[in-house]
Amino acid sequence: MSDKGTADTAAAARHARFGKLPERIRYEDMTEEREATPNGGNGVSYNPEGSWQYFSCLALDLGL
């Protein structure tokens, strides 16, 4: 008998917590519009001569 009461109490607690869906969020609240900057906003320019430093290459690691 006590198992049924415990199960009903647990079911009632779950239903009170998860029994309904959360409030709907409008699409306008999920998006943000900002002005785009030419360099992506990070202030770092691309350096083609130094780009090899950021990639791992097995041939370079072995000195080939």
Protein backbone atom coordinates (compact mmCIF):
# COMPACT_ATOMS: atom_id res chain seq x y z
CA MET A 1 0.00 0.00 0.00
CA SER A 2 2.75 2.49 0.87
CA ASP A 3 4.43 1.98 -2.50
CA LYS A 4 1.36 3.30 -4.31
CA GLY A 5 1.28 6.41 -2.12
CA THR A 6 4.95 7.05 -2.73
CA ALA A 7 4.52 6.55 -6.47
CA ASP A 8 1.55 8.93 -6.52
CA THR A 9 3.51 11.54 -4.58
CA ALA A 10 6.48 11.21 -6.94
CA ALA A 11 4.19 11.38 -9.97
CA ALA A 12 2.51 14.49 -8.60
CA ALA A 13 5.89 16.12 -7.97
CA ARG A 14 7.05 15.30 -11.54
CA HIS A 15 3.83 16.63 -12.99
CA ALA A 16 4.12 19.84 -10.98
CA ARG A 17 7.66 20.37 -12.23
CA PHE A 18 7.48 19.05 -15.82
CA GLY A 19 3.74 18.92 -16.52
CA LYS A 20 3.63 21.84 -18.96
CA LEU A 21 5.81 23.23 -21.70
CA PRO A 22 7.80 26.40 -21.07
CA GLU A 23 6.58 29.70 -22.44
CA ARG A 24 7.11 30.13 -26.16
CA ILE A 25 10.00 32.40 -27.18
CA ARG A 26 9.40 34.73 -30.12
CA TYR A 27 11.82 34.62 -33.05
CA GLU A 28 12.58 38.32 -32.60
CA ASP A 29 13.81 37.61 -29.07
CA MET A 30 16.18 34.89 -30.31
CA THR A 31 17.95 36.97 -32.96
CA GLU A 32 20.21 39.96 -32.70
CA GLU A 33 21.12 42.37 -35.46
CA ARG A 34 24.47 44.12 -35.44
CA GLU A 35 26.41 46.20 -37.91
CA ALA A 36 29.02 44.12 -39.73
CA THR A 37 32.65 45.22 -39.65
CA PRO A 38 35.06 44.67 -42.56
CA ASN A 39 37.60 42.62 -40.57
CA GLY A 40 35.14 40.60 -38.53
CA GLY A 41 35.47 42.81 -35.47
CA ASN A 42 38.53 41.12 -34.06
CA GLY A 43 41.05 43.74 -35.18
CA VAL A 44 43.56 41.13 -36.39
CA SER A 45 44.60 41.19 -40.02
CA TYR A 46 45.52 38.09 -42.00
CA ASN A 47 49.23 37.45 -42.31
CA PRO A 48 49.89 34.90 -45.10
CA GLU A 49 53.59 34.60 -44.25
CA GLY A 50 52.90 33.74 -40.63
CA SER A 51 49.96 31.41 -41.28
CA TRP A 52 52.22 28.32 -41.39
CA GLN A 53 52.75 28.71 -37.63
CA TYR A 54 49.14 27.77 -36.88
CA PHE A 55 48.98 24.46 -38.71
CA SER A 56 50.51 21.13 -37.83
CA CYS A 57 52.22 19.27 -40.64
CA LEU A 58 53.86 15.89 -40.19
CA ALA A 59 56.47 16.67 -42.87
CA LEU A 60 57.46 19.86 -41.05
CA ASP A 61 57.50 18.08 -37.70
CA LEU A 62 59.87 15.45 -39.08
CA GLY A 63 62.04 18.08 -40.75
CA LEU A 64 61.44 16.80 -44.26
